[in-house]
Amino acid sequence: MSGDKTMKQLQKDVDEYIGQFEEGYFSPMELMARLTEELGELSREVMHEYGPKKKKSTEEDNTIEAEMGDLLFVLICMANSMDIDLAHAHDRIMEKFNTRDKNRWTRKEEGK
């Protein structure tokens, strides 16, 4: 497995995995519920790692990385099921941030 995959490759990987099963993708509402569930699990892991609420010894050993992976998988499933190209969506949002928010934050001095 490589960490250098394009978004198109990630979407293809997920589509090939889901394509093995008769059930296919869940409906958008089911995927939204799963996305919300996974975001909650990520939130819990961040709280354990960086917040005041530490894990109990009886809680499952999980990681922020694993929860981000779960969240990404479900997001890709949702995009694939709706024929959304996530690379294109990313390009559009970056254009928005690079224009609308170009002077919103304090820029670092060049060379630092």
PDB file of N, CA and C in Angstrom:
ATOM      1  N   MET A   1       0.831  -1.181   0.000  1.00  0.00           N
ATOM      2  CA  MET A   1       0.000   0.000   0.000  1.00  0.00           C
ATOM      3  C   MET A   1       0.873   1.241   0.000  1.00  0.00           C
ATOM      4  N   SER A   2       0.451   2.216  -0.758  1.00  0.00           N
ATOM      5  CA  SER A   2       1.229   3.437  -0.899  1.00  0.00           C
ATOM      6  C   SER A   2       0.451   4.632  -0.381  1.00  0.00           C
ATOM      7  N   GLY A   3       1.149   5.539   0.271  1.00  0.00           N
ATOM      8  CA  GLY A   3       0.543   6.772   0.736  1.00  0.00           C
ATOM      9  C   GLY A   3       0.534   7.835  -0.343  1.00  0.00           C
ATOM     10  N   ASP A   4       0.969   7.488  -1.539  1.00  0.00           N
ATOM     11  CA  ASP A   4       1.074   8.462  -2.617  1.00  0.00           C
ATOM     12  C   ASP A   4      -0.022   8.295  -3.669  1.00  0.00           C
ATOM     13  N   LYS A   5      -1.160   7.771  -3.296  1.00  0.00           N
ATOM     14  CA  LYS A   5      -2.242   7.572  -4.255  1.00  0.00           C
ATOM     15  C   LYS A   5      -2.948   8.893  -4.539  1.00  0.00           C
ATOM     16  N   THR A   6      -3.421   9.005  -5.763  1.00  0.00           N
ATOM     17  CA  THR A   6      -4.228  10.170  -6.117  1.00  0.00           C
ATOM     18  C   THR A   6      -5.647   9.962  -5.579  1.00  0.00           C
ATOM     19  N   MET A   7      -6.399  11.032  -5.550  1.00  0.00           N
ATOM     20  CA  MET A   7      -7.793  10.907  -5.133  1.00  0.00           C
ATOM     21  C   MET A   7      -8.554  10.004  -6.094  1.00  0.00           C
ATOM     22  N   LYS A   8      -8.234  10.107  -7.373  1.00  0.00           N
ATOM     23  CA  LYS A   8      -8.882   9.245  -8.371  1.00  0.00           C
ATOM     24  C   LYS A   8      -8.607   7.770  -8.052  1.00  0.00           C
ATOM     25  N   GLN A   9      -7.365   7.447  -7.658  1.00  0.00           N
ATOM     26  CA  GLN A   9      -7.024   6.073  -7.295  1.00  0.00           C
ATOM     27  C   GLN A   9      -7.769   5.632  -6.042  1.00  0.00           C
ATOM     28  N   LEU A  10      -7.868   6.526  -5.062  1.00  0.00           N
ATOM     29  CA  LEU A  10      -8.606   6.189  -3.842  1.00  0.00           C
ATOM     30  C   LEU A  10     -10.067   5.905  -4.163  1.00  0.00           C
ATOM     31  N   GLN A  11     -10.652   6.751  -4.996  1.00  0.00           N
ATOM     32  CA  GLN A  11     -12.052   6.530  -5.364  1.00  0.00           C
ATOM     33  C   GLN A  11     -12.219   5.229  -6.139  1.00  0.00           C
ATOM     34  N   LYS A  12     -11.259   4.904  -6.989  1.00  0.00           N
ATOM     35  CA  LYS A  12     -11.309   3.648  -7.759  1.00  0.00           C
ATOM     36  C   LYS A  12     -11.163   2.442  -6.829  1.00  0.00           C
ATOM     37  N   ASP A  13     -10.233   2.522  -5.862  1.00  0.00           N
ATOM     38  CA  ASP A  13     -10.045   1.428  -4.903  1.00  0.00           C
ATOM     39  C   ASP A  13     -11.337   1.123  -4.157  1.00  0.00           C
ATOM     40  N   VAL A  14     -11.987   2.167  -3.674  1.00  0.00           N
ATOM     41  CA  VAL A  14     -13.234   1.985  -2.922  1.00  0.00           C
ATOM     42  C   VAL A  14     -14.313   1.424  -3.838  1.00  0.00           C
ATOM     43  N   ASP A  15     -14.392   1.942  -5.061  1.00  0.00           N
ATOM     44  CA  ASP A  15     -15.415   1.465  -5.995  1.00  0.00           C
ATOM     45  C   ASP A  15     -15.219  -0.007  -6.332  1.00  0.00           C
ATOM     46  N   GLU A  16     -13.972  -0.419  -6.514  1.00  0.00           N
ATOM     47  CA  GLU A  16     -13.704  -1.836  -6.793  1.00  0.00           C
ATOM     48  C   GLU A  16     -14.081  -2.707  -5.600  1.00  0.00           C
ATOM     49  N   TYR A  17     -13.808  -2.227  -4.394  1.00  0.00           N
ATOM     50  CA  TYR A  17     -14.173  -2.990  -3.202  1.00  0.00           C
ATOM     51  C   TYR A  17     -15.696  -3.125  -3.101  1.00  0.00           C
ATOM     52  N   ILE A  18     -16.402  -2.019  -3.197  1.00  0.00           N
ATOM     53  CA  ILE A  18     -17.862  -2.039  -3.073  1.00  0.00           C
ATOM     54  C   ILE A  18     -18.490  -2.827  -4.220  1.00  0.00           C
ATOM     55  N   GLY A  19     -17.877  -2.759  -5.397  1.00  0.00           N
ATOM     56  CA  GLY A  19     -18.403  -3.444  -6.578  1.00  0.00           C
ATOM     57  C   GLY A  19     -18.437  -4.953  -6.464  1.00  0.00           C
ATOM     58  N   GLN A  20     -17.754  -5.516  -5.474  1.00  0.00           N
ATOM     59  CA  GLN A  20     -17.757  -6.969  -5.265  1.00  0.00           C
ATOM     60  C   GLN A  20     -19.071  -7.479  -4.692  1.00  0.00           C
ATOM     61  N   PHE A  21     -19.884  -6.576  -4.173  1.00  0.00           N
ATOM     62  CA  PHE A  21     -21.052  -6.977  -3.396  1.00  0.00           C
ATOM     63  C   PHE A  21     -22.351  -6.577  -4.084  1.00  0.00           C
ATOM     64  N   GLU A  22     -23.317  -7.473  -4.034  1.00  0.00           N
ATOM     65  CA  GLU A  22     -24.637  -7.232  -4.622  1.00  0.00           C
ATOM     66  C   GLU A  22     -25.280  -5.964  -4.062  1.00  0.00           C
ATOM     67  N   GLU A  23     -25.059  -5.708  -2.783  1.00  0.00           N
ATOM     68  CA  GLU A  23     -25.733  -4.577  -2.132  1.00  0.00           C
ATOM     69  C   GLU A  23     -25.253  -3.227  -2.666  1.00  0.00           C
ATOM     70  N   GLY A  24     -24.012  -3.155  -3.101  1.00  0.00           N
ATOM     71  CA  GLY A  24     -23.472  -1.901  -3.616  1.00  0.00           C
ATOM     72  C   GLY A  24     -23.400  -0.828  -2.539  1.00  0.00           C
ATOM     73  N   TYR A  25     -23.452   0.415  -2.989  1.00  0.00           N
ATOM     74  CA  TYR A  25     -23.372   1.539  -2.047  1.00  0.00           C
ATOM     75  C   TYR A  25     -24.673   1.690  -1.276  1.00  0.00           C
ATOM     76  N   PHE A  26     -24.550   2.149  -0.040  1.00  0.00           N
ATOM     77  CA  PHE A  26     -25.728   2.496   0.748  1.00  0.00           C
ATOM     78  C   PHE A  26     -26.342   3.756   0.143  1.00  0.00           C
ATOM     79  N   SER A  27     -27.558   4.067   0.547  1.00  0.00           N
ATOM     80  CA  SER A  27     -28.220   5.289   0.070  1.00  0.00           C
ATOM     81  C   SER A  27     -27.507   6.511   0.662  1.00  0.00           C
ATOM     82  N   PRO A  28     -27.688   7.684   0.059  1.00  0.00           N
ATOM     83  CA  PRO A  28     -27.054   8.887   0.605  1.00  0.00           C
ATOM     84  C   PRO A  28     -27.393   9.140   2.080  1.00  0.00           C
ATOM     85  N   MET A  29     -28.618   8.900   2.476  1.00  0.00           N
ATOM     86  CA  MET A  29     -28.988   9.124   3.885  1.00  0.00           C
ATOM     87  C   MET A  29     -28.281   8.131   4.812  1.00  0.00           C
ATOM     88  N   GLU A  30     -28.163   6.873   4.384  1.00  0.00           N
ATOM     89  CA  GLU A  30     -27.435   5.886   5.185  1.00  0.00           C
ATOM     90  C   GLU A  30     -25.957   6.250   5.274  1.00  0.00           C
ATOM     91  N   LEU A  31     -25.398   6.723   4.162  1.00  0.00           N
ATOM     92  CA  LEU A  31     -23.993   7.126   4.169  1.00  0.00           C
ATOM     93  C   LEU A  31     -23.792   8.358   5.047  1.00  0.00           C
ATOM     94  N   MET A  32     -24.745   9.271   5.043  1.00  0.00           N
ATOM     95  CA  MET A  32     -24.648  10.452   5.898  1.00  0.00           C
ATOM     96  C   MET A  32     -24.658  10.034   7.368  1.00  0.00           C
ATOM     97  N   ALA A  33     -25.489   9.084   7.710  1.00  0.00           N
ATOM     98  CA  ALA A  33     -25.524   8.579   9.089  1.00  0.00           C
ATOM     99  C   ALA A  33     -24.188   7.919   9.448  1.00  0.00           C
ATOM    100  N   ARG A  34     -23.643   7.141   8.531  1.00  0.00           N
ATOM    101  CA  ARG A  34     -22.342   6.494   8.782  1.00  0.00           C
ATOM    102  C   ARG A  34     -21.227   7.522   8.896  1.00  0.00           C
ATOM    103  N   LEU A  35     -21.268   8.556   8.060  1.00  0.00           N
ATOM    104  CA  LEU A  35     -20.275   9.623   8.111  1.00  0.00           C
ATOM    105  C   LEU A  35     -20.322  10.321   9.469  1.00  0.00           C
ATOM    106  N   THR A  36     -21.524  10.588   9.946  1.00  0.00           N
ATOM    107  CA  THR A  36     -21.707  11.216  11.252  1.00  0.00           C
ATOM    108  C   THR A  36     -21.182  10.318  12.366  1.00  0.00           C
ATOM    109  N   GLU A  37     -21.462   9.035  12.267  1.00  0.00           N
ATOM    110  CA  GLU A  37     -20.975   8.070  13.255  1.00  0.00           C
ATOM    111  C   GLU A  37     -19.446   8.043  13.285  1.00  0.00           C
ATOM    112  N   GLU A  38     -18.837   7.985  12.105  1.00  0.00           N
ATOM    113  CA  GLU A  38     -17.369   7.938  12.033  1.00  0.00           C
ATOM    114  C   GLU A  38     -16.747   9.237  12.538  1.00  0.00           C
ATOM    115  N   LEU A  39     -17.383  10.367  12.263  1.00  0.00           N
ATOM    116  CA  LEU A  39     -16.878  11.640  12.766  1.00  0.00           C
ATOM    117  C   LEU A  39     -16.920  11.665  14.295  1.00  0.00           C
ATOM    118  N   GLY A  40     -17.970  11.107  14.866  1.00  0.00           N
ATOM    119  CA  GLY A  40     -18.065  10.997  16.324  1.00  0.00           C
ATOM    120  C   GLY A  40     -16.953  10.133  16.896  1.00  0.00           C
ATOM    121  N   GLU A  41     -16.639   9.041  16.207  1.00  0.00           N
ATOM    122  CA  GLU A  41     -15.559   8.165  16.675  1.00  0.00           C
ATOM    123  C   GLU A  41     -14.207   8.864  16.580  1.00  0.00           C
ATOM    124  N   LEU A  42     -14.001   9.639  15.519  1.00  0.00           N
ATOM    125  CA  LEU A  42     -12.770  10.419  15.398  1.00  0.00           C
ATOM    126  C   LEU A  42     -12.697  11.461  16.513  1.00  0.00           C
ATOM    127  N   SER A  43     -13.801  12.115  16.760  1.00  0.00           N
ATOM    128  CA  SER A  43     -13.857  13.115  17.821  1.00  0.00           C
ATOM    129  C   SER A  43     -13.482  12.507  19.174  1.00  0.00           C
ATOM    130  N   ARG A  44     -13.976  11.330  19.420  1.00  0.00           N
ATOM    131  CA  ARG A  44     -13.674  10.636  20.679  1.00  0.00           C
ATOM    132  C   ARG A  44     -12.172  10.338  20.792  1.00  0.00           C
ATOM    133  N   GLU A  45     -11.568   9.889  19.704  1.00  0.00           N
ATOM    134  CA  GLU A  45     -10.130   9.596  19.735  1.00  0.00           C
ATOM    135  C   GLU A  45      -9.297  10.866  19.936  1.00  0.00           C
ATOM    136  N   VAL A  46      -9.708  11.965  19.304  1.00  0.00           N
ATOM    137  CA  VAL A  46      -8.999  13.237  19.491  1.00  0.00           C
ATOM    138  C   VAL A  46      -9.136  13.684  20.943  1.00  0.00           C
ATOM    139  N   MET A  47     -10.313  13.520  21.507  1.00  0.00           N
ATOM    140  CA  MET A  47     -10.528  13.881  22.919  1.00  0.00           C
ATOM    141  C   MET A  47      -9.625  13.054  23.825  1.00  0.00           C
ATOM    142  N   HIS A  48      -9.499  11.782  23.540  1.00  0.00           N
ATOM    143  CA  HIS A  48      -8.640  10.923  24.358  1.00  0.00           C
ATOM    144  C   HIS A  48      -7.178  11.325  24.244  1.00  0.00           C
ATOM    145  N   GLU A  49      -6.759  11.684  23.040  1.00  0.00           N
ATOM    146  CA  GLU A  49      -5.356  12.008  22.805  1.00  0.00           C
ATOM    147  C   GLU A  49      -4.979  13.415  23.268  1.00  0.00           C
ATOM    148  N   TYR A  50      -5.845  14.386  22.995  1.00  0.00           N
ATOM    149  CA  TYR A  50      -5.491  15.779  23.233  1.00  0.00           C
ATOM    150  C   TYR A  50      -6.352  16.494  24.272  1.00  0.00           C
ATOM    151  N   GLY A  51      -7.451  15.886  24.644  1.00  0.00           N
ATOM    152  CA  GLY A  51      -8.363  16.526  25.582  1.00  0.00           C
ATOM    153  C   GLY A  51      -8.212  15.993  26.994  1.00  0.00           C
ATOM    154  N   PRO A  52      -9.072  16.464  27.861  1.00  0.00           N
ATOM    155  CA  PRO A  52      -8.979  16.064  29.275  1.00  0.00           C
ATOM    156  C   PRO A  52      -9.536  14.670  29.568  1.00  0.00           C
ATOM    157  N   LYS A  53     -10.322  14.122  28.638  1.00  0.00           N
ATOM    158  CA  LYS A  53     -10.957  12.826  28.883  1.00  0.00           C
ATOM    159  C   LYS A  53     -10.096  11.707  28.314  1.00  0.00           C
ATOM    160  N   LYS A  54      -9.399  11.019  29.168  1.00  0.00           N
ATOM    161  CA  LYS A  54      -8.518   9.927  28.729  1.00  0.00           C
ATOM    162  C   LYS A  54      -9.296   8.615  28.646  1.00  0.00           C
ATOM    163  N   LYS A  55      -8.745   7.666  27.894  1.00  0.00           N
ATOM    164  CA  LYS A  55      -9.393   6.363  27.718  1.00  0.00           C
ATOM    165  C   LYS A  55      -9.433   5.578  29.008  1.00  0.00           C
ATOM    166  N   LYS A  56     -10.519   4.837  29.156  1.00  0.00           N
ATOM    167  CA  LYS A  56     -10.623   3.884  30.255  1.00  0.00           C
ATOM    168  C   LYS A  56      -9.879   2.622  29.830  1.00  0.00           C
ATOM    169  N   SER A  57      -9.414   1.878  30.772  1.00  0.00           N
ATOM    170  CA  SER A  57      -8.675   0.656  30.453  1.00  0.00           C
ATOM    171  C   SER A  57      -9.548  -0.364  29.728  1.00  0.00           C
ATOM    172  N   THR A  58     -10.860  -0.238  29.849  1.00  0.00           N
ATOM    173  CA  THR A  58     -11.779  -1.180  29.214  1.00  0.00           C
ATOM    174  C   THR A  58     -12.147  -0.776  27.786  1.00  0.00           C
ATOM    175  N   GLU A  59     -11.745   0.438  27.365  1.00  0.00           N
ATOM    176  CA  GLU A  59     -12.104   0.907  26.035  1.00  0.00           C
ATOM    177  C   GLU A  59     -11.187   0.320  24.974  1.00  0.00           C
ATOM    178  N   GLU A  60     -11.760   0.123  23.791  1.00  0.00           N
ATOM    179  CA  GLU A  60     -11.026  -0.436  22.661  1.00  0.00           C
ATOM    180  C   GLU A  60      -9.841   0.450  22.299  1.00  0.00           C
ATOM    181  N   ASP A  61      -8.720  -0.202  22.005  1.00  0.00           N
ATOM    182  CA  ASP A  61      -7.523   0.515  21.594  1.00  0.00           C
ATOM    183  C   ASP A  61      -7.692   0.906  20.130  1.00  0.00           C
ATOM    184  N   ASN A  62      -7.858   2.187  19.879  1.00  0.00           N
ATOM    185  CA  ASN A  62      -8.060   2.679  18.530  1.00  0.00           C
ATOM    186  C   ASN A  62      -7.176   3.892  18.329  1.00  0.00           C
ATOM    187  N   THR A  63      -7.045   4.365  17.106  1.00  0.00           N
ATOM    188  CA  THR A  63      -6.165   5.491  16.848  1.00  0.00           C
ATOM    189  C   THR A  63      -6.873   6.553  16.020  1.00  0.00           C
ATOM    190  N   ILE A  64      -6.359   7.755  16.091  1.00  0.00           N
ATOM    191  CA  ILE A  64      -6.865   8.844  15.266  1.00  0.00           C
ATOM    192  C   ILE A  64      -6.700   8.475  13.797  1.00  0.00           C
ATOM    193  N   GLU A  65      -5.560   7.900  13.450  1.00  0.00           N
ATOM    194  CA  GLU A  65      -5.310   7.504  12.062  1.00  0.00           C
ATOM    195  C   GLU A  65      -6.376   6.531  11.564  1.00  0.00           C
ATOM    196  N   ALA A  66      -6.700   5.518  12.361  1.00  0.00           N
ATOM    197  CA  ALA A  66      -7.702   4.530  11.954  1.00  0.00           C
ATOM    198  C   ALA A  66      -9.065   5.183  11.762  1.00  0.00           C
ATOM    199  N   GLU A  67      -9.419   6.089  12.659  1.00  0.00           N
ATOM    200  CA  GLU A  67     -10.717   6.756  12.556  1.00  0.00           C
ATOM    201  C   GLU A  67     -10.760   7.695  11.355  1.00  0.00           C
ATOM    202  N   MET A  68      -9.635   8.358  11.052  1.00  0.00           N
ATOM    203  CA  MET A  68      -9.587   9.186   9.851  1.00  0.00           C
ATOM    204  C   MET A  68      -9.737   8.316   8.603  1.00  0.00           C
ATOM    205  N   GLY A  69      -9.131   7.140   8.621  1.00  0.00           N
ATOM    206  CA  GLY A  69      -9.281   6.206   7.504  1.00  0.00           C
ATOM    207  C   GLY A  69     -10.723   5.774   7.316  1.00  0.00           C
ATOM    208  N   ASP A  70     -11.406   5.467   8.420  1.00  0.00           N
ATOM    209  CA  ASP A  70     -12.822   5.093   8.344  1.00  0.00           C
ATOM    210  C   ASP A  70     -13.660   6.240   7.778  1.00  0.00           C
ATOM    211  N   LEU A  71     -13.397   7.437   8.253  1.00  0.00           N
ATOM    212  CA  LEU A  71     -14.133   8.614   7.797  1.00  0.00           C
ATOM    213  C   LEU A  71     -13.898   8.853   6.303  1.00  0.00           C
ATOM    214  N   LEU A  72     -12.648   8.739   5.880  1.00  0.00           N
ATOM    215  CA  LEU A  72     -12.317   8.927   4.472  1.00  0.00           C
ATOM    216  C   LEU A  72     -13.002   7.873   3.598  1.00  0.00           C
ATOM    217  N   PHE A  73     -13.009   6.633   4.058  1.00  0.00           N
ATOM    218  CA  PHE A  73     -13.662   5.559   3.307  1.00  0.00           C
ATOM    219  C   PHE A  73     -15.136   5.862   3.083  1.00  0.00           C
ATOM    220  N   VAL A  74     -15.826   6.273   4.137  1.00  0.00           N
ATOM    221  CA  VAL A  74     -17.257   6.545   4.014  1.00  0.00           C
ATOM    222  C   VAL A  74     -17.491   7.781   3.139  1.00  0.00           C
ATOM    223  N   LEU A  75     -16.647   8.798   3.274  1.00  0.00           N
ATOM    224  CA  LEU A  75     -16.774   9.987   2.434  1.00  0.00           C
ATOM    225  C   LEU A  75     -16.589   9.623   0.960  1.00  0.00           C
ATOM    226  N   ILE A  76     -15.613   8.771   0.677  1.00  0.00           N
ATOM    227  CA  ILE A  76     -15.392   8.327  -0.704  1.00  0.00           C
ATOM    228  C   ILE A  76     -16.579   7.509  -1.198  1.00  0.00           C
ATOM    229  N   CYS A  77     -17.127   6.646  -0.343  1.00  0.00           N
ATOM    230  CA  CYS A  77     -18.328   5.892  -0.726  1.00  0.00           C
ATOM    231  C   CYS A  77     -19.458   6.853  -1.110  1.00  0.00           C
ATOM    232  N   MET A  78     -19.636   7.883  -0.307  1.00  0.00           N
ATOM    233  CA  MET A  78     -20.707   8.840  -0.568  1.00  0.00           C
ATOM    234  C   MET A  78     -20.460   9.569  -1.894  1.00  0.00           C
ATOM    235  N   ALA A  79     -19.228  10.009  -2.107  1.00  0.00           N
ATOM    236  CA  ALA A  79     -18.894  10.699  -3.358  1.00  0.00           C
ATOM    237  C   ALA A  79     -19.104   9.770  -4.553  1.00  0.00           C
ATOM    238  N   ASN A  80     -18.614   8.548  -4.459  1.00  0.00           N
ATOM    239  CA  ASN A  80     -18.772   7.600  -5.565  1.00  0.00           C
ATOM    240  C   ASN A  80     -20.243   7.335  -5.864  1.00  0.00           C
ATOM    241  N   SER A  81     -21.039   7.161  -4.835  1.00  0.00           N
ATOM    242  CA  SER A  81     -22.454   6.847  -5.036  1.00  0.00           C
ATOM    243  C   SER A  81     -23.198   8.002  -5.687  1.00  0.00           C
ATOM    244  N   MET A  82     -22.653   9.214  -5.582  1.00  0.00           N
ATOM    245  CA  MET A  82     -23.295  10.403  -6.150  1.00  0.00           C
ATOM    246  C   MET A  82     -22.540  10.922  -7.382  1.00  0.00           C
ATOM    247  N   ASP A  83     -21.588  10.119  -7.886  1.00  0.00           N
ATOM    248  CA  ASP A  83     -20.772  10.490  -9.048  1.00  0.00           C
ATOM    249  C   ASP A  83     -20.073  11.836  -8.869  1.00  0.00           C
ATOM    250  N   ILE A  84     -19.487  12.046  -7.700  1.00  0.00           N
ATOM    251  CA  ILE A  84     -18.740  13.267  -7.414  1.00  0.00           C
ATOM    252  C   ILE A  84     -17.256  12.954  -7.481  1.00  0.00           C
ATOM    253  N   ASP A  85     -16.534  13.722  -8.264  1.00  0.00           N
ATOM    254  CA  ASP A  85     -15.088  13.616  -8.390  1.00  0.00           C
ATOM    255  C   ASP A  85     -14.482  14.450  -7.260  1.00  0.00           C
ATOM    256  N   LEU A  86     -13.914  13.788  -6.266  1.00  0.00           N
ATOM    257  CA  LEU A  86     -13.386  14.496  -5.097  1.00  0.00           C
ATOM    258  C   LEU A  86     -12.181  15.366  -5.425  1.00  0.00           C
ATOM    259  N   ALA A  87     -11.387  15.000  -6.420  1.00  0.00           N
ATOM    260  CA  ALA A  87     -10.270  15.852  -6.813  1.00  0.00           C
ATOM    261  C   ALA A  87     -10.797  17.168  -7.369  1.00  0.00           C
ATOM    262  N   HIS A  88     -11.838  17.093  -8.163  1.00  0.00           N
ATOM    263  CA  HIS A  88     -12.469  18.307  -8.700  1.00  0.00           C
ATOM    264  C   HIS A  88     -13.078  19.134  -7.565  1.00  0.00           C
ATOM    265  N   ALA A  89     -13.746  18.474  -6.641  1.00  0.00           N
ATOM    266  CA  ALA A  89     -14.328  19.183  -5.495  1.00  0.00           C
ATOM    267  C   ALA A  89     -13.244  19.878  -4.687  1.00  0.00           C
ATOM    268  N   HIS A  90     -12.120  19.201  -4.514  1.00  0.00           N
ATOM    269  CA  HIS A  90     -10.985  19.789  -3.788  1.00  0.00           C
ATOM    270  C   HIS A  90     -10.448  21.017  -4.527  1.00  0.00           C
ATOM    271  N   ASP A  91     -10.282  20.914  -5.828  1.00  0.00           N
ATOM    272  CA  ASP A  91      -9.784  22.050  -6.608  1.00  0.00           C
ATOM    273  C   ASP A  91     -10.717  23.251  -6.482  1.00  0.00           C
ATOM    274  N   ARG A  92     -12.008  22.999  -6.518  1.00  0.00           N
ATOM    275  CA  ARG A  92     -12.982  24.096  -6.400  1.00  0.00           C
ATOM    276  C   ARG A  92     -12.905  24.758  -5.026  1.00  0.00           C
ATOM    277  N   ILE A  93     -12.777  23.977  -3.969  1.00  0.00           N
ATOM    278  CA  ILE A  93     -12.733  24.565  -2.628  1.00  0.00           C
ATOM    279  C   ILE A  93     -11.422  25.311  -2.412  1.00  0.00           C
ATOM    280  N   MET A  94     -10.319  24.813  -2.978  1.00  0.00           N
ATOM    281  CA  MET A  94      -9.047  25.524  -2.848  1.00  0.00           C
ATOM    282  C   MET A  94      -9.094  26.856  -3.583  1.00  0.00           C
ATOM    283  N   GLU A  95      -9.746  26.883  -4.734  1.00  0.00           N
ATOM    284  CA  GLU A  95      -9.917  28.146  -5.463  1.00  0.00           C
ATOM    285  C   GLU A  95     -10.705  29.136  -4.602  1.00  0.00           C
ATOM    286  N   LYS A  96     -11.738  28.648  -3.949  1.00  0.00           N
ATOM    287  CA  LYS A  96     -12.541  29.512  -3.075  1.00  0.00           C
ATOM    288  C   LYS A  96     -11.690  30.071  -1.941  1.00  0.00           C
ATOM    289  N   PHE A  97     -10.924  29.215  -1.278  1.00  0.00           N
ATOM    290  CA  PHE A  97     -10.092  29.688  -0.168  1.00  0.00           C
ATOM    291  C   PHE A  97      -8.992  30.626  -0.646  1.00  0.00           C
ATOM    292  N   ASN A  98      -8.429  30.347  -1.822  1.00  0.00           N
ATOM    293  CA  ASN A  98      -7.360  31.190  -2.347  1.00  0.00           C
ATOM    294  C   ASN A  98      -7.845  32.540  -2.850  1.00  0.00           C
ATOM    295  N   THR A  99      -9.140  32.692  -3.046  1.00  0.00           N
ATOM    296  CA  THR A  99      -9.668  33.995  -3.455  1.00  0.00           C
ATOM    297  C   THR A  99     -10.397  34.665  -2.292  1.00  0.00           C
ATOM    298  N   ARG A 100     -11.398  34.043  -1.758  1.00  0.00           N
ATOM    299  CA  ARG A 100     -12.201  34.635  -0.691  1.00  0.00           C
ATOM    300  C   ARG A 100     -11.390  34.909   0.568  1.00  0.00           C
ATOM    301  N   ASP A 101     -10.525  33.978   0.935  1.00  0.00           N
ATOM    302  CA  ASP A 101      -9.795  34.082   2.203  1.00  0.00           C
ATOM    303  C   ASP A 101      -8.328  34.448   2.034  1.00  0.00           C
ATOM    304  N   LYS A 102      -7.951  34.991   0.871  1.00  0.00           N
ATOM    305  CA  LYS A 102      -6.531  35.223   0.608  1.00  0.00           C
ATOM    306  C   LYS A 102      -5.886  36.203   1.585  1.00  0.00           C
ATOM    307  N   ASN A 103      -6.657  37.118   2.151  1.00  0.00           N
ATOM    308  CA  ASN A 103      -6.096  38.086   3.106  1.00  0.00           C
ATOM    309  C   ASN A 103      -6.661  37.916   4.519  1.00  0.00           C
ATOM    310  N   ARG A 104      -7.265  36.794   4.774  1.00  0.00           N
ATOM    311  CA  ARG A 104      -7.917  36.570   6.065  1.00  0.00           C
ATOM    312  C   ARG A 104      -6.928  36.284   7.189  1.00  0.00           C
ATOM    313  N   TRP A 105      -5.841  35.595   6.893  1.00  0.00           N
ATOM    314  CA  TRP A 105      -4.891  35.151   7.905  1.00  0.00           C
ATOM    315  C   TRP A 105      -3.563  35.870   7.731  1.00  0.00           C
ATOM    316  N   THR A 106      -2.781  35.899   8.784  1.00  0.00           N
ATOM    317  CA  THR A 106      -1.467  36.531   8.733  1.00  0.00           C
ATOM    318  C   THR A 106      -0.509  35.601   8.008  1.00  0.00           C
ATOM    319  N   ARG A 107       0.035  36.086   6.919  1.00  0.00           N
ATOM    320  CA  ARG A 107       0.950  35.272   6.116  1.00  0.00           C
ATOM    321  C   ARG A 107       2.329  35.222   6.770  1.00  0.00           C
ATOM    322  N   LYS A 108       3.000  34.085   6.601  1.00  0.00           N
ATOM    323  CA  LYS A 108       4.376  33.942   7.054  1.00  0.00           C
ATOM    324  C   LYS A 108       5.272  34.776   6.147  1.00  0.00           C
ATOM    325  N   GLU A 109       6.326  35.295   6.709  1.00  0.00           N
ATOM    326  CA  GLU A 109       7.300  36.008   5.893  1.00  0.00           C
ATOM    327  C   GLU A 109       8.037  35.008   5.022  1.00  0.00           C
ATOM    328  N   GLU A 110       8.338  35.414   3.782  1.00  0.00           N
ATOM    329  CA  GLU A 110       9.056  34.509   2.876  1.00  0.00           C
ATOM    330  C   GLU A 110      10.423  34.206   3.440  1.00  0.00           C
ATOM    331  N   GLY A 111      10.860  32.977   3.267  1.00  0.00           N
ATOM    332  CA  GLY A 111      12.167  32.542   3.742  1.00  0.00           C
ATOM    333  C   GLY A 111      12.148  31.991   5.151  1.00  0.00           C
ATOM    334  N   LYS A 112      11.007  32.042   5.814  1.00  0.00           N
ATOM    335  CA  LYS A 112      10.932  31.501   7.186  1.00  0.00           C
ATOM    336  C   LYS A 112      10.353  30.136   7.185  1.00  0.00           C
TER     337      LYS A 112
END
